[in-house]
Structures are given as structure tokens and as C-alpha cells.
Amino acid sequence: MTKFELIKELTLALLYLTSTEEDENGTAVKKSWKGYPFEALDELTEDELISWKKSSKAVYLTEDGAKKAEEIVKKLNLK
């Protein structure tokens, strides 16, 4: 699996996990924002794992955040 394919799969999984089920014309659909929820970004910022400015489109991993992310990648056997 290429890095891009992995990113697509993880993005899809995150969209699914952050989705809500809603009724659209009698059909149940899962709906999700195109970006990450600000609440999650705020919590990661509070945990000092990322930093970001609301006026910016970029999110920055701190040194601790990068280490934690590496641990997650290894734990999930994604390398």
C-alpha cells in the first residue's frame, strides 16, 4: 500500500468515525465535515501535541505530538 492510499483510507475512517447519522428525504445517511472537528484540534492543542492558529489552514505537530503519532503508527502497524 502506498503512502497516499494509506492517507485516503485513514481520512475515510476519520470521516466515518466523526460522522453523525441524519435523515435526508427518508434515507439515513452519515454526514461529516470535510475537515477535522475544532474540538479535537483544541484538545490536541491543550495536550500540547499540536499547535495552530484559527486563521491558518496548517496544523503543526509538536515534538511530543510527533513522537505520539509515531507510537500510534507503530501500534497500528501502519509502517
Protein backbone atom coordinates (compact mmCIF):
# COMPACT_ATOMS: atom_id res chain seq x y z
CA MET A 1 0.00 0.00 0.00
CA THR A 2 1.36 3.41 -0.92
CA LYS A 3 1.52 6.33 1.47
CA PHE A 4 -1.23 8.13 -0.50
CA GLU A 5 -3.52 5.09 -0.34
CA LEU A 6 -2.98 4.91 3.42
CA ILE A 7 -3.81 8.60 3.79
CA LYS A 8 -7.01 8.10 1.81
CA GLU A 9 -8.03 5.11 3.94
CA LEU A 10 -7.29 6.89 7.22
CA THR A 11 -9.13 10.01 6.06
CA LEU A 12 -12.13 7.91 5.13
CA ALA A 13 -12.01 6.18 8.52
CA LEU A 14 -11.84 9.55 10.31
CA LEU A 15 -14.75 10.91 8.29
CA TYR A 16 -16.74 7.81 9.25
CA LEU A 17 -15.80 7.98 12.91
CA THR A 18 -16.69 11.68 13.17
CA SER A 19 -19.92 11.33 11.23
CA THR A 20 -23.44 11.71 12.51
CA GLU A 21 -26.43 9.86 11.20
CA GLU A 22 -29.07 12.12 9.74
CA ASP A 23 -32.29 11.73 7.82
CA GLU A 24 -32.25 13.08 4.27
CA ASN A 25 -35.56 12.65 2.47
CA GLY A 26 -36.42 9.49 4.40
CA THR A 27 -33.00 7.92 3.96
CA ALA A 28 -30.50 7.58 6.82
CA VAL A 29 -27.11 8.99 5.83
CA LYS A 30 -23.83 9.51 7.69
CA LYS A 31 -22.74 13.12 7.45
CA SER A 32 -19.30 14.52 8.33
CA TRP A 33 -17.48 17.79 7.98
CA LYS A 34 -14.79 17.87 5.34
CA GLY A 35 -12.17 18.87 7.94
CA TYR A 36 -11.30 17.75 11.41
CA PRO A 37 -13.52 18.96 14.24
CA PHE A 38 -12.19 22.04 16.03
CA GLU A 39 -12.92 20.31 19.33
CA ALA A 40 -10.38 17.59 18.54
CA LEU A 41 -7.83 20.18 17.43
CA ASP A 42 -8.44 22.17 20.60
CA GLU A 43 -7.90 19.07 22.78
CA LEU A 44 -4.71 18.14 20.92
CA THR A 45 -3.55 21.73 21.42
CA GLU A 46 -4.34 21.57 25.14
CA ASP A 47 -2.36 18.32 25.34
CA GLU A 48 0.50 20.19 23.59
CA LEU A 49 0.57 17.65 20.75
CA ILE A 50 -0.17 20.23 18.04
CA SER A 51 -0.23 23.97 17.59
CA TRP A 52 -2.34 26.01 15.20
CA LYS A 53 -3.92 29.37 14.65
CA LYS A 54 -7.56 29.67 13.73
CA SER A 55 -6.61 31.97 10.85
CA SER A 56 -4.25 29.35 9.40
CA LYS A 57 -5.05 26.23 7.42
CA ALA A 58 -1.97 24.46 8.79
CA VAL A 59 -1.65 22.39 11.95
CA TYR A 60 1.80 21.77 13.39
CA LEU A 61 2.87 18.73 15.36
CA THR A 62 4.97 19.47 18.42
CA GLU A 63 7.94 17.24 19.20
CA ASP A 64 5.78 15.33 21.70
CA GLY A 65 2.98 15.18 19.12
CA ALA A 66 5.27 13.69 16.51
CA LYS A 67 6.53 11.09 19.00
CA LYS A 68 2.97 10.19 19.98
CA ALA A 69 1.96 9.94 16.32
CA GLU A 70 4.90 7.62 15.65
CA GLU A 71 3.81 5.42 18.55
CA ILE A 72 0.28 5.26 17.14
CA VAL A 73 1.56 4.37 13.68
CA LYS A 74 3.73 1.60 15.15
CA LYS A 75 0.93 0.35 17.42
CA LEU A 76 -1.44 0.13 14.47
CA ASN A 77 1.31 -1.49 12.40
CA LEU A 78 0.93 1.13 9.69
CA LYS A 79 4.60 1.46 8.63
